[in-house]
C-alpha atoms as a PDB file:
ATOM      1  CA  MET A   1      98.804 112.590  91.760  1.00  0.00           C
ATOM      2  CA  GLY A   2     101.634 114.954  90.876  1.00  0.00           C
ATOM      3  CA  VAL A   3     104.183 112.126  90.857  1.00  0.00           C
ATOM      4  CA  SER A   4     101.949 109.987  88.637  1.00  0.00           C
ATOM      5  CA  LEU A   5     101.315 112.843  86.209  1.00  0.00           C
ATOM      6  CA  VAL A   6     104.979 113.859  85.926  1.00  0.00           C
ATOM      7  CA  LEU A   7     106.203 110.299  85.344  1.00  0.00           C
ATOM      8  CA  ILE A   8     103.522 109.562  82.746  1.00  0.00           C
ATOM      9  CA  LEU A   9     104.530 112.754  80.908  1.00  0.00           C
ATOM     10  CA  VAL A  10     108.180 111.666  81.092  1.00  0.00           C
ATOM     11  CA  LEU A  11     107.187 108.293  79.665  1.00  0.00           C
ATOM     12  CA  LEU A  12     105.225 109.822  76.788  1.00  0.00           C
ATOM     13  CA  TYR A  13     108.007 112.301  76.047  1.00  0.00           C
ATOM     14  CA  GLN A  14     110.417 109.425  75.397  1.00  0.00           C
ATOM     15  CA  VAL A  15     108.206 107.543  72.923  1.00  0.00           C
ATOM     16  CA  ASN A  16     106.883 107.901  69.422  1.00  0.00           C
ATOM     17  CA  LEU A  17     103.148 108.171  69.987  1.00  0.00           C
ATOM     18  CA  SER A  18     102.387 106.835  66.526  1.00  0.00           C
ATOM     19  CA  GLU A  19     104.510 103.709  67.151  1.00  0.00           C
ATOM     20  CA  MET A  20     102.943 103.285  70.578  1.00  0.00           C
ATOM     21  CA  GLY A  21      99.487 103.514  69.006  1.00  0.00           C
ATOM     22  CA  ASP A  22     100.440 100.908  66.412  1.00  0.00           C
ATOM     23  CA  ALA A  23     101.658  98.566  69.164  1.00  0.00           C
ATOM     24  CA  LEU A  24      98.322  98.922  70.962  1.00  0.00           C
ATOM     25  CA  ALA A  25      96.334  98.504  67.733  1.00  0.00           C
ATOM     26  CA  ASN A  26      98.212  95.359  66.675  1.00  0.00           C
ATOM     27  CA  ALA A  27      98.189  93.617  70.074  1.00  0.00           C
ATOM     28  CA  ASN A  28      96.385  90.285  70.399  1.00  0.00           C
ATOM     29  CA  TYR A  29      93.815  90.958  73.104  1.00  0.00           C
ATOM     30  CA  LEU A  30      92.728  87.316  73.297  1.00  0.00           C
ATOM     31  CA  TYR A  31      95.425  86.974  75.959  1.00  0.00           C
ATOM     32  CA  LEU A  32      93.685  89.494  78.244  1.00  0.00           C
ATOM     33  CA  ALA A  33      90.946  87.265  79.718  1.00  0.00           C
ATOM     34  CA  PRO A  34      93.240  84.402  80.822  1.00  0.00           C
ATOM     35  CA  SER A  35      95.718  86.983  82.142  1.00  0.00           C
ATOM     36  CA  ILE A  36      93.072  88.543  84.384  1.00  0.00           C
ATOM     37  CA  ALA A  37      92.040  85.065  85.573  1.00  0.00           C
ATOM     38  CA  LEU A  38      95.658  84.366  86.552  1.00  0.00           C
ATOM     39  CA  TYR A  39      95.771  87.610  88.514  1.00  0.00           C
ATOM     40  CA  PHE A  40      92.753  86.653  90.619  1.00  0.00           C
ATOM     41  CA  VAL A  41      94.344  83.255  91.286  1.00  0.00           C
ATOM     42  CA  ALA A  42      97.343  85.221  92.580  1.00  0.00           C
ATOM     43  CA  VAL A  43      94.957  87.176  94.828  1.00  0.00           C
ATOM     44  CA  TYR A  44      93.647  83.842  96.171  1.00  0.00           C
ATOM     45  CA  PHE A  45      97.175  82.862  97.182  1.00  0.00           C
ATOM     46  CA  ARG A  46      97.539  86.277  98.830  1.00  0.00           C
ATOM     47  CA  ALA A  47      94.526  85.341 100.961  1.00  0.00           C
ATOM     48  CA  VAL A  48      96.153  81.974 101.761  1.00  0.00           C
ATOM     49  CA  ARG A  49      99.353  83.700 102.869  1.00  0.00           C
ATOM     50  CA  TRP A  50      97.424  86.298 104.885  1.00  0.00           C
ATOM     51  CA  ARG A  51      95.562  83.514 106.695  1.00  0.00           C
ATOM     52  CA  TYR A  52      98.947  82.112 107.745  1.00  0.00           C
ATOM     53  CA  LEU A  53     100.095  85.558 108.901  1.00  0.00           C
ATOM     54  CA  LEU A  54      96.918  85.966 110.940  1.00  0.00           C
ATOM     55  CA  SER A  55      96.993  82.423 112.367  1.00  0.00           C
ATOM     56  CA  PRO A  56      98.494  83.472 115.769  1.00  0.00           C
ATOM     57  CA  LEU A  57      95.555  85.872 116.155  1.00  0.00           C
ATOM     58  CA  GLY A  58      92.740  83.563 115.081  1.00  0.00           C
ATOM     59  CA  ASN A  59      91.644  80.784 112.734  1.00  0.00           C
ATOM     60  CA  LEU A  60      90.098  82.627 109.788  1.00  0.00           C
ATOM     61  CA  GLN A  61      88.566  81.215 106.618  1.00  0.00           C
ATOM     62  CA  ILE A  62      90.144  81.983 103.251  1.00  0.00           C
ATOM     63  CA  GLY A  63      86.686  82.611 101.823  1.00  0.00           C
ATOM     64  CA  ARG A  64      86.221  85.410 104.361  1.00  0.00           C
ATOM     65  CA  LEU A  65      89.636  86.901 103.702  1.00  0.00           C
ATOM     66  CA  TYR A  66      89.500  86.885  99.892  1.00  0.00           C
ATOM     67  CA  PRO A  67      86.986  89.762  99.500  1.00  0.00           C
ATOM     68  CA  VAL A  68      88.887  91.788 102.117  1.00  0.00           C
ATOM     69  CA  VAL A  69      92.073  91.394 100.065  1.00  0.00           C
ATOM     70  CA  VAL A  70      90.292  92.458  96.874  1.00  0.00           C
ATOM     71  CA  ILE A  71      88.762  95.515  98.551  1.00  0.00           C
ATOM     72  CA  GLY A  72      92.135  96.404 100.070  1.00  0.00           C
ATOM     73  CA  TYR A  73      93.879  96.294  96.694  1.00  0.00           C
ATOM     74  CA  MET A  74      91.095  98.344  95.128  1.00  0.00           C
ATOM     75  CA  ALA A  75      91.492 100.960  97.870  1.00  0.00           C
ATOM     76  CA  ASN A  76      95.279 100.992  97.371  1.00  0.00           C
ATOM     77  CA  ASN A  77      94.718 101.729  93.689  1.00  0.00           C
ATOM     78  CA  LEU A  78      92.316 104.586  94.295  1.00  0.00           C
ATOM     79  CA  LEU A  79      93.696 106.249  97.446  1.00  0.00           C
ATOM     80  CA  PRO A  80      97.049 108.009  97.887  1.00  0.00           C
ATOM     81  CA  ALA A  81      99.964 106.910 100.083  1.00  0.00           C
ATOM     82  CA  ARG A  82      98.826 103.261 100.266  1.00  0.00           C
ATOM     83  CA  LEU A  83      95.889 104.169 102.505  1.00  0.00           C
ATOM     84  CA  GLY A  84      94.279 101.008 101.195  1.00  0.00           C
ATOM     85  CA  GLU A  85      96.342  99.093 103.759  1.00  0.00           C
ATOM     86  CA  LEU A  86      94.530 100.956 106.549  1.00  0.00           C
ATOM     87  CA  VAL A  87      91.178 100.337 104.861  1.00  0.00           C
ATOM     88  CA  ARG A  88      91.976  96.630 104.549  1.00  0.00           C
ATOM     89  CA  ALA A  89      93.008  96.325 108.196  1.00  0.00           C
ATOM     90  CA  TYR A  90      89.936  98.226 109.382  1.00  0.00           C
ATOM     91  CA  TYR A  91      87.557  96.239 107.167  1.00  0.00           C
ATOM     92  CA  LEU A  92      88.989  92.964 108.475  1.00  0.00           C
ATOM     93  CA  ALA A  93      88.441  94.210 112.026  1.00  0.00           C
ATOM     94  CA  ARG A  94      84.796  94.914 111.143  1.00  0.00           C
ATOM     95  CA  ARG A  95      84.302  91.355 109.904  1.00  0.00           C
ATOM     96  CA  GLU A  96      86.446  89.358 112.315  1.00  0.00           C
ATOM     97  CA  PRO A  97      87.502  89.510 116.003  1.00  0.00           C
ATOM     98  CA  ILE A  98      90.915  90.915 115.035  1.00  0.00           C
ATOM     99  CA  ARG A  99      92.209  94.324 116.077  1.00  0.00           C
ATOM    100  CA  ALA A 100      92.902  96.636 113.172  1.00  0.00           C
ATOM    101  CA  SER A 101      96.392  97.557 114.404  1.00  0.00           C
ATOM    102  CA  SER A 102      97.313  93.856 114.702  1.00  0.00           C
ATOM    103  CA  ALA A 103      96.046  93.271 111.161  1.00  0.00           C
ATOM    104  CA  LEU A 104      98.173  96.213 110.041  1.00  0.00           C
ATOM    105  CA  GLY A 105     101.215  94.470 111.503  1.00  0.00           C
ATOM    106  CA  THR A 106     100.543  91.410 109.337  1.00  0.00           C
ATOM    107  CA  LEU A 107     100.244  93.659 106.275  1.00  0.00           C
ATOM    108  CA  ALA A 108     103.668  95.139 107.023  1.00  0.00           C
ATOM    109  CA  VAL A 109     105.115  91.611 107.042  1.00  0.00           C
ATOM    110  CA  GLU A 110     103.259  90.823 103.805  1.00  0.00           C
ATOM    111  CA  ARG A 111     104.752  93.833 102.030  1.00  0.00           C
ATOM    112  CA  VAL A 112     108.266  93.018 103.186  1.00  0.00           C
ATOM    113  CA  TYR A 113     107.969  89.432 101.965  1.00  0.00           C
ATOM    114  CA  ASP A 114     106.618  90.605  98.631  1.00  0.00           C
ATOM    115  CA  GLY A 115     109.767  92.686  98.327  1.00  0.00           C
ATOM    116  CA  MET A 116     112.069  89.854  99.402  1.00  0.00           C
ATOM    117  CA  THR A 117     110.477  87.456  96.874  1.00  0.00           C
ATOM    118  CA  LEU A 118     110.818  89.981  94.060  1.00  0.00           C
ATOM    119  CA  LEU A 119     114.432  90.645  95.023  1.00  0.00           C
ATOM    120  CA  ALA A 120     115.083  86.892  94.817  1.00  0.00           C
ATOM    121  CA  TRP A 121     113.602  86.898  91.305  1.00  0.00           C
ATOM    122  CA  ALA A 122     115.811  89.811  90.276  1.00  0.00           C
ATOM    123  CA  VAL A 123     118.896  88.127  91.752  1.00  0.00           C
ATOM    124  CA  VAL A 124     118.172  85.009  89.676  1.00  0.00           C
ATOM    125  CA  ALA A 125     117.069  86.656  86.413  1.00  0.00           C
ATOM    126  CA  GLY A 126     119.440  89.633  86.223  1.00  0.00           C
ATOM    127  CA  PRO A 127     122.807  87.815  86.271  1.00  0.00           C
ATOM    128  CA  VAL A 128     121.599  85.072  83.884  1.00  0.00           C
ATOM    129  CA  LEU A 129     120.363  87.649  81.356  1.00  0.00           C
ATOM    130  CA  LEU A 130     123.659  89.496  81.724  1.00  0.00           C
ATOM    131  CA  PHE A 131     125.550  86.245  81.081  1.00  0.00           C
ATOM    132  CA  LEU A 132     123.398  85.587  77.999  1.00  0.00           C
ATOM    133  CA  GLY A 133     124.322  89.013  76.627  1.00  0.00           C
ATOM    134  CA  GLU A 134     120.805  90.452  76.770  1.00  0.00           C
ATOM    135  CA  PHE A 135     122.072  93.650  78.430  1.00  0.00           C
ATOM    136  CA  ASP A 136     124.578  94.465  75.687  1.00  0.00           C
ATOM    137  CA  SER A 137     122.631  97.565  74.659  1.00  0.00           C
ATOM    138  CA  THR A 138     122.847  99.080  78.154  1.00  0.00           C
ATOM    139  CA  GLY A 139     125.420 101.839  78.541  1.00  0.00           C
ATOM    140  CA  GLY A 140     127.883 101.996  81.401  1.00  0.00           C
ATOM    141  CA  THR A 141     126.107 104.899  83.166  1.00  0.00           C
ATOM    142  CA  ALA A 142     122.715 103.170  83.022  1.00  0.00           C
ATOM    143  CA  ARG A 143     124.241  99.941  84.321  1.00  0.00           C
ATOM    144  CA  THR A 144     125.827 101.773  87.246  1.00  0.00           C
ATOM    145  CA  THR A 145     122.479 103.404  88.037  1.00  0.00           C
ATOM    146  CA  TRP A 146     120.763  99.984  88.092  1.00  0.00           C
ATOM    147  CA  ILE A 147     123.427  98.618  90.434  1.00  0.00           C
ATOM    148  CA  ILE A 148     123.060 101.550  92.850  1.00  0.00           C
ATOM    149  CA  LEU A 149     119.265 101.236  92.870  1.00  0.00           C
ATOM    150  CA  ALA A 150     119.542  97.479  93.435  1.00  0.00           C
ATOM    151  CA  VAL A 151     121.843  97.931  96.435  1.00  0.00           C
ATOM    152  CA  LEU A 152     119.553 100.567  97.966  1.00  0.00           C
ATOM    153  CA  THR A 153     116.447  98.408  97.438  1.00  0.00           C
ATOM    154  CA  VAL A 154     118.046  95.309  98.949  1.00  0.00           C
ATOM    155  CA  SER A 155     119.230  97.345 101.934  1.00  0.00           C
ATOM    156  CA  LEU A 156     115.752  98.792 102.476  1.00  0.00           C
ATOM    157  CA  PHE A 157     113.935  95.449 102.537  1.00  0.00           C
ATOM    158  CA  VAL A 158     116.580  93.618 104.554  1.00  0.00           C
ATOM    159  CA  ALA A 159     116.529  96.410 107.158  1.00  0.00           C
ATOM    160  CA  ALA A 160     112.719  96.342 107.295  1.00  0.00           C
ATOM    161  CA  LEU A 161     112.645  92.569 107.750  1.00  0.00           C
ATOM    162  CA  ALA A 162     115.322  92.725 110.450  1.00  0.00           C
ATOM    163  CA  PHE A 163     113.421  95.467 112.313  1.00  0.00           C
ATOM    164  CA  LEU A 164     110.079  93.621 112.234  1.00  0.00           C
ATOM    165  CA  THR A 165     111.732  90.347 113.269  1.00  0.00           C
ATOM    166  CA  ALA A 166     113.483  92.078 116.171  1.00  0.00           C
ATOM    167  CA  LEU A 167     110.147  93.494 117.364  1.00  0.00           C
ATOM    168  CA  ALA A 168     108.568  90.038 117.222  1.00  0.00           C
ATOM    169  CA  ALA A 169     111.334  87.840 118.626  1.00  0.00           C
ATOM    170  CA  ILE A 170     113.803  89.834 120.780  1.00  0.00           C
ATOM    171  CA  PRO A 171     112.505  90.952 124.217  1.00  0.00           C
ATOM    172  CA  ARG A 172     115.432  93.359 124.705  1.00  0.00           C
ATOM    173  CA  PHE A 173     114.487  95.143 121.516  1.00  0.00           C
ATOM    174  CA  MET A 174     111.019  95.734 122.932  1.00  0.00           C
ATOM    175  CA  LYS A 175     112.609  97.505 125.899  1.00  0.00           C
ATOM    176  CA  PHE A 176     114.350  99.798 123.437  1.00  0.00           C
ATOM    177  CA  PHE A 177     110.991 100.211 121.709  1.00  0.00           C
ATOM    178  CA  ASP A 178     109.464 101.241 125.062  1.00  0.00           C
ATOM    179  CA  ARG A 179     112.087 103.957 125.420  1.00  0.00           C
ATOM    180  CA  ILE A 180     111.128 105.319 122.022  1.00  0.00           C
ATOM    181  CA  LEU A 181     107.466 105.342 123.085  1.00  0.00           C
ATOM    182  CA  GLY A 182     108.586 107.311 126.131  1.00  0.00           C
ATOM    183  CA  LEU A 183     109.338 110.225 123.803  1.00  0.00           C
ATOM    184  CA  VAL A 184     105.650 110.499 122.937  1.00  0.00           C
ATOM    185  CA  PRO A 185     103.853 113.274 124.873  1.00  0.00           C
ATOM    186  CA  ALA A 186     102.159 111.908 127.997  1.00  0.00           C
ATOM    187  CA  ARG A 187      98.719 112.882 126.715  1.00  0.00           C
ATOM    188  CA  PHE A 188      98.970 110.555 123.722  1.00  0.00           C
ATOM    189  CA  ARG A 189     101.245 107.880 125.192  1.00  0.00           C
ATOM    190  CA  PRO A 190      98.530 105.403 126.347  1.00  0.00           C
ATOM    191  CA  LYS A 191      96.829 105.376 122.966  1.00  0.00           C
ATOM    192  CA  VAL A 192     100.074 105.196 120.995  1.00  0.00           C
ATOM    193  CA  SER A 193     101.400 102.438 123.264  1.00  0.00           C
ATOM    194  CA  GLU A 194      98.176 100.450 122.868  1.00  0.00           C
ATOM    195  CA  LEU A 195      98.301 100.726 119.082  1.00  0.00           C
ATOM    196  CA  ALA A 196     102.023  99.937 118.970  1.00  0.00           C
ATOM    197  CA  TYR A 197     101.727  96.785 121.051  1.00  0.00           C
ATOM    198  CA  THR A 198      98.724  95.459 119.143  1.00  0.00           C
ATOM    199  CA  PHE A 199     100.689  96.159 115.941  1.00  0.00           C
ATOM    200  CA  VAL A 200     103.553  94.054 117.333  1.00  0.00           C
ATOM    201  CA  ASP A 201     101.032  91.276 118.071  1.00  0.00           C
ATOM    202  CA  GLY A 202     100.533  91.065 114.313  1.00  0.00           C
ATOM    203  CA  LEU A 203     104.258  90.345 113.872  1.00  0.00           C
ATOM    204  CA  SER A 204     104.242  87.218 116.034  1.00  0.00           C
ATOM    205  CA  ILE A 205     104.459  84.956 112.966  1.00  0.00           C
ATOM    206  CA  LEU A 206     108.108  86.087 112.634  1.00  0.00           C
ATOM    207  CA  SER A 207     109.126  84.316 115.831  1.00  0.00           C
ATOM    208  CA  SER A 208     111.149  81.484 114.232  1.00  0.00           C
ATOM    209  CA  PRO A 209     113.301  80.786 111.138  1.00  0.00           C
ATOM    210  CA  ARG A 210     110.912  78.001 110.116  1.00  0.00           C
ATOM    211  CA  LYS A 211     108.046  80.474 109.891  1.00  0.00           C
ATOM    212  CA  HIS A 212     110.193  82.876 107.858  1.00  0.00           C
ATOM    213  CA  LEU A 213     110.871  80.068 105.397  1.00  0.00           C
ATOM    214  CA  ALA A 214     107.183  79.180 105.252  1.00  0.00           C
ATOM    215  CA  LEU A 215     106.306  82.801 104.458  1.00  0.00           C
ATOM    216  CA  PHE A 216     108.863  82.888 101.665  1.00  0.00           C
ATOM    217  CA  PHE A 217     107.412  79.741 100.072  1.00  0.00           C
ATOM    218  CA  LEU A 218     103.843  81.007 100.528  1.00  0.00           C
ATOM    219  CA  SER A 219     104.867  84.201  98.727  1.00  0.00           C
ATOM    220  CA  MET A 220     106.206  82.307  95.715  1.00  0.00           C
ATOM    221  CA  PRO A 221     102.859  81.193  94.164  1.00  0.00           C
ATOM    222  CA  VAL A 222     101.536  84.741  94.553  1.00  0.00           C
ATOM    223  CA  TRP A 223     104.206  86.035  92.213  1.00  0.00           C
ATOM    224  CA  VAL A 224     104.339  82.954  89.969  1.00  0.00           C
ATOM    225  CA  PHE A 225     100.697  83.505  89.015  1.00  0.00           C
ATOM    226  CA  GLU A 226     101.025  87.275  88.737  1.00  0.00           C
ATOM    227  CA  GLY A 227     104.219  86.853  86.721  1.00  0.00           C
ATOM    228  CA  SER A 228     102.365  84.416  84.440  1.00  0.00           C
ATOM    229  CA  MET A 229      99.989  87.280  83.698  1.00  0.00           C
ATOM    230  CA  TYR A 230     102.927  89.479  82.647  1.00  0.00           C
ATOM    231  CA  PHE A 231     104.151  86.562  80.508  1.00  0.00           C
ATOM    232  CA  LEU A 232     100.859  86.206  78.600  1.00  0.00           C
ATOM    233  CA  ILE A 233     100.583  89.948  77.993  1.00  0.00           C
ATOM    234  CA  SER A 234     104.124  89.884  76.555  1.00  0.00           C
ATOM    235  CA  TYR A 235     102.830  87.460  73.908  1.00  0.00           C
ATOM    236  CA  ALA A 236      99.916  89.801  73.222  1.00  0.00           C
ATOM    237  CA  PHE A 237     102.413  92.537  72.253  1.00  0.00           C
ATOM    238  CA  GLY A 238     104.848  90.253  70.420  1.00  0.00           C
ATOM    239  CA  ILE A 239     107.676  90.805  72.887  1.00  0.00           C
ATOM    240  CA  ASP A 240     108.469  87.085  72.657  1.00  0.00           C
ATOM    241  CA  ASN A 241     109.700  87.674  69.079  1.00  0.00           C
ATOM    242  CA  HIS A 242     112.642  89.700  70.420  1.00  0.00           C
ATOM    243  CA  PHE A 243     114.173  86.820  72.387  1.00  0.00           C
ATOM    244  CA  GLY A 244     115.663  83.543  71.271  1.00  0.00           C
ATOM    245  CA  SER A 245     113.789  81.133  73.513  1.00  0.00           C
ATOM    246  CA  VAL A 246     110.834  80.898  75.835  1.00  0.00           C
ATOM    247  CA  TRP A 247     113.192  80.461  78.800  1.00  0.00           C
ATOM    248  CA  THR A 248     114.882  83.768  78.022  1.00  0.00           C
ATOM    249  CA  LEU A 249     111.433  85.379  77.928  1.00  0.00           C
ATOM    250  CA  VAL A 250     110.632  83.815  81.309  1.00  0.00           C
ATOM    251  CA  LEU A 251     113.754  85.441  82.784  1.00  0.00           C
ATOM    252  CA  VAL A 252     112.842  88.778  81.156  1.00  0.00           C
ATOM    253  CA  VAL A 253     109.337  88.624  82.637  1.00  0.00           C
ATOM    254  CA  MET A 254     110.765  87.727  86.063  1.00  0.00           C
ATOM    255  CA  LEU A 255     113.016  90.785  85.935  1.00  0.00           C
ATOM    256  CA  VAL A 256     110.261  93.124  84.699  1.00  0.00           C
ATOM    257  CA  THR A 257     107.883  91.803  87.386  1.00  0.00           C
ATOM    258  CA  ALA A 258     110.520  92.410  90.063  1.00  0.00           C
ATOM    259  CA  THR A 259     111.660  95.878  89.001  1.00  0.00           C
ATOM    260  CA  SER A 260     108.218  97.325  88.212  1.00  0.00           C
ATOM    261  CA  ASN A 261     106.673  96.158  91.489  1.00  0.00           C
ATOM    262  CA  LEU A 262     109.658  97.130  93.620  1.00  0.00           C
ATOM    263  CA  ALA A 263     109.337 100.615  92.092  1.00  0.00           C
ATOM    264  CA  THR A 264     105.844 100.881  93.578  1.00  0.00           C
ATOM    265  CA  SER A 265     106.891  99.701  97.061  1.00  0.00           C
ATOM    266  CA  LEU A 266     107.167 103.246  98.365  1.00  0.00           C
ATOM    267  CA  PRO A 267     103.879 105.192  98.536  1.00  0.00           C
ATOM    268  CA  SER A 268     104.940 107.808  95.985  1.00  0.00           C
ATOM    269  CA  SER A 269     101.872 107.774  93.725  1.00  0.00           C
ATOM    270  CA  ILE A 270      98.257 106.627  93.495  1.00  0.00           C
ATOM    271  CA  GLY A 271      98.008 102.963  92.545  1.00  0.00           C
ATOM    272  CA  GLY A 272     101.663 102.929  91.466  1.00  0.00           C
ATOM    273  CA  ILE A 273     100.694 104.708  88.233  1.00  0.00           C
ATOM    274  CA  GLY A 274     103.826 106.298  86.823  1.00  0.00           C
ATOM    275  CA  PRO A 275     106.633 104.507  88.669  1.00  0.00           C
ATOM    276  CA  PHE A 276     105.389 101.107  87.433  1.00  0.00           C
ATOM    277  CA  GLU A 277     105.194 102.141  83.775  1.00  0.00           C
ATOM    278  CA  VAL A 278     108.500 104.010  83.699  1.00  0.00           C
ATOM    279  CA  VAL A 279     110.524 101.288  85.437  1.00  0.00           C
ATOM    280  CA  ALA A 280     108.929  98.462  83.407  1.00  0.00           C
ATOM    281  CA  GLN A 281     109.646 100.374  80.202  1.00  0.00           C
ATOM    282  CA  GLN A 282     113.238 101.154  81.161  1.00  0.00           C
ATOM    283  CA  THR A 283     113.854  97.509  82.100  1.00  0.00           C
ATOM    284  CA  LEU A 284     112.637  96.380  78.685  1.00  0.00           C
ATOM    285  CA  ILE A 285     114.680  99.080  76.923  1.00  0.00           C
ATOM    286  CA  ALA A 286     117.773  97.809  78.747  1.00  0.00           C
ATOM    287  CA  LEU A 287     116.963  94.384  77.315  1.00  0.00           C
ATOM    288  CA  GLY A 288     116.756  95.665  73.755  1.00  0.00           C
ATOM    289  CA  ILE A 289     113.017  96.371  73.354  1.00  0.00           C
ATOM    290  CA  GLY A 290     112.035  99.606  71.616  1.00  0.00           C
ATOM    291  CA  GLY A 291     110.818 102.382  73.912  1.00  0.00           C
ATOM    292  CA  SER A 292     107.401 102.769  72.250  1.00  0.00           C
ATOM    293  CA  LEU A 293     106.612  99.048  72.337  1.00  0.00           C
ATOM    294  CA  ALA A 294     107.866  98.816  75.924  1.00  0.00           C
ATOM    295  CA  ALA A 295     105.671 101.768  76.963  1.00  0.00           C
ATOM    296  CA  ALA A 296     102.595 100.278  75.272  1.00  0.00           C
ATOM    297  CA  TYR A 297     103.178  96.938  77.016  1.00  0.00           C
ATOM    298  CA  ALA A 298     103.802  98.505  80.441  1.00  0.00           C
ATOM    299  CA  GLY A 299     100.840 100.871  80.251  1.00  0.00           C
ATOM    300  CA  PHE A 300      98.372  98.232  79.054  1.00  0.00           C
ATOM    301  CA  LEU A 301      99.624  95.660  81.542  1.00  0.00           C
ATOM    302  CA  HIS A 302      99.289  97.996  84.506  1.00  0.00           C
ATOM    303  CA  LEU A 303      96.194 100.043  83.729  1.00  0.00           C
ATOM    304  CA  VAL A 304      94.021  97.523  81.852  1.00  0.00           C
ATOM    305  CA  ALA A 305      95.121  94.102  83.133  1.00  0.00           C
ATOM    306  CA  LEU A 306      96.204  94.881  86.725  1.00  0.00           C
ATOM    307  CA  TRP A 307      94.553  98.133  87.809  1.00  0.00           C
ATOM    308  CA  LEU A 308      91.065  98.083  86.265  1.00  0.00           C
ATOM    309  CA  PRO A 309      89.788  94.523  86.992  1.00  0.00           C
ATOM    310  CA  VAL A 310      90.593  94.497  90.713  1.00  0.00           C
ATOM    311  CA  ASN A 311      89.071  97.970  91.072  1.00  0.00           C
ATOM    312  CA  LEU A 312      85.825  96.843  89.437  1.00  0.00           C
ATOM    313  CA  ALA A 313      85.780  93.677  91.568  1.00  0.00           C
ATOM    314  CA  GLY A 314      86.441  95.659  94.758  1.00  0.00           C
ATOM    315  CA  LEU A 315      83.712  98.201  94.009  1.00  0.00           C
ATOM    316  CA  ALA A 316      81.294  95.359  93.221  1.00  0.00           C
ATOM    317  CA  LEU A 317      82.069  93.726  96.577  1.00  0.00           C
ATOM    318  CA  LEU A 318      81.499  97.031  98.373  1.00  0.00           C
ATOM    319  CA  TRP A 319      78.143  97.369  96.628  1.00  0.00           C
ATOM    320  CA  LYS A 320      77.256  93.775  97.523  1.00  0.00           C
ATOM    321  CA  HIS A 321      77.951  94.443 101.209  1.00  0.00           C
ATOM    322  CA  ASN A 322      76.180  97.828 101.125  1.00  0.00           C
ATOM    323  CA  LEU A 323      79.411  99.733 101.789  1.00  0.00           C
ATOM    324  CA  SER A 324      81.256 102.585 100.102  1.00  0.00           C
ATOM    325  CA  LEU A 325      84.934 103.430  99.773  1.00  0.00           C
ATOM    326  CA  ARG A 326      84.238 106.883 101.162  1.00  0.00           C
ATOM    327  CA  GLY A 327      82.509 105.395 104.190  1.00  0.00           C
ATOM    328  CA  LEU A 328      85.356 102.961 104.879  1.00  0.00           C
ATOM    329  CA  THR A 329      87.933 105.720 104.480  1.00  0.00           C
ATOM    330  CA  ARG A 330      86.093 108.025 106.865  1.00  0.00           C
ATOM    331  CA  ALA A 331      85.661 105.234 109.413  1.00  0.00           C
ATOM    332  CA  THR A 332      89.353 104.340 109.141  1.00  0.00           C
ATOM    333  CA  SER A 333      90.427 107.932 109.782  1.00  0.00           C
ATOM    334  CA  GLN A 334      88.181 108.427 112.822  1.00  0.00           C
ATOM    335  CA  GLU A 335      90.035 108.830 116.089  1.00  0.00           C
ATOM    336  CA  THR A 336      89.982 105.701 118.250  1.00  0.00           C
ATOM    337  CA  VAL A 337      90.388 105.312 121.978  1.00  0.00           C
ATOM    338  CA  PRO A 338      92.620 102.904 123.914  1.00  0.00           C
ATOM    339  CA  GLY A 339      91.681  99.810 125.847  1.00  0.00           C
ATOM    340  CA  ASP A 340      88.623  97.658 125.367  1.00  0.00           C
ATOM    341  CA  THR A 341      86.757 100.470 123.618  1.00  0.00           C
ATOM    342  CA  LEU A 342      89.432 100.490 120.906  1.00  0.00           C
ATOM    343  CA  ALA A 343      88.896  96.794 120.234  1.00  0.00           C
ATOM    344  CA  ALA A 344      85.131  97.323 120.202  1.00  0.00           C
ATOM    345  CA  GLU A 345      85.101 100.370 117.910  1.00  0.00           C
ATOM    346  CA  VAL A 346      87.694  99.102 115.452  1.00  0.00           C
ATOM    347  CA  GLY A 347      85.989  95.731 115.385  1.00  0.00           C
ATOM    348  CA  GLY A 348      82.728  97.346 114.342  1.00  0.00           C
ATOM    349  CA  ILE A 349      80.919  96.378 117.562  1.00  0.00           C
ATOM    350  CA  SER A 350      79.710  98.282 120.553  1.00  0.00           C
ATOM    351  CA  PRO A 351      81.191  97.738 124.022  1.00  0.00           C
ATOM    352  CA  GLY A 352      79.515  94.808 125.687  1.00  0.00           C
ATOM    353  CA  GLN A 353      78.576  93.091 122.424  1.00  0.00           C
ATOM    354  CA  SER A 354      80.199  89.738 121.668  1.00  0.00           C
ATOM    355  CA  PRO A 355      83.389  90.405 119.680  1.00  0.00           C
ATOM    356  CA  GLY A 356      82.942  87.216 117.689  1.00  0.00           C
ATOM    357  CA  ILE A 357      79.865  88.444 115.781  1.00  0.00           C
ATOM    358  CA  ASP A 358      80.084  90.933 112.916  1.00  0.00           C
ATOM    359  CA  GLN A 359      77.445  93.435 111.808  1.00  0.00           C
ATOM    360  CA  GLU A 360      75.870  90.877 109.503  1.00  0.00           C
ATOM    361  CA  GLY A 361      75.332  88.461 112.366  1.00  0.00           C
ATOM    362  CA  ARG A 362      78.031  86.004 111.246  1.00  0.00           C
ATOM    363  CA  PRO A 363      80.562  84.517 113.658  1.00  0.00           C
END
């Protein structure tokens, strides 16, 4: 909360509040409804990709996964430190015969591939915009800062992907992993080992280059539809008037989508509020957009178009299933036990009950 508050104050300090208010007052809000629709299409493709990630663990229906994804994103927006990932993994384990720690492994892969896709967008859009002269207003110091941040971000995601792939595909690496687990105190080692190995089970989709390629292509429609939302909102605020062609605007939106979402990759704030707005605004400023207009666009895009609708949808789904975010959070944080009891408790069933039936009596 502190990070979000400080960065929002930094954002507001840099803008003319009157100009920002004018930008919000003059925006064409007819673009909002189709933008939100595009976002939920993107969520559908997230469910499609997650089904592929979970395929080594079971054949799950997209219709069953979609509400879990929505609830998970709602929880991520409302809880600190990306605890929504734990809620999402636990809730899936309640509904399906999948261990929560294995589901968490698939979510780690999902996040890494989101980052790799966004990096690919930045690698395409950034150099072309530089070649077109759209970065002429950026000073040398700011440009150096962007380059340093880009190198660090690329290194982070490449290292994460290499680590997860090594866990999934290299037996020798697992021996090294066992040695690390040997450092855990003996009292906790069985439980930690159980959780670690079921987590690695969730990485099994990374076992071949062909599957890596499939994940990359499955990630593309997720961001094409979400990026289309950013594109429509840019028309709502008249940002298209600042660029010579629609193709230049497409590249600008690709870069803003990449930088703003990569800024929220680390769990530094609640729902990414603060880092998203500041980085999106600074990206647009570097491309010649005024700071007040850029702040109005970034704030509206994130809080009204991205943050609010999925939260309302997630809360509605919780109400429909007679659940609460507080209850899911408490259940997620409860201490589990190793072995078959772990699978039973995390799966929302009692030992001895069939693991293929959830609490609502559905297979």
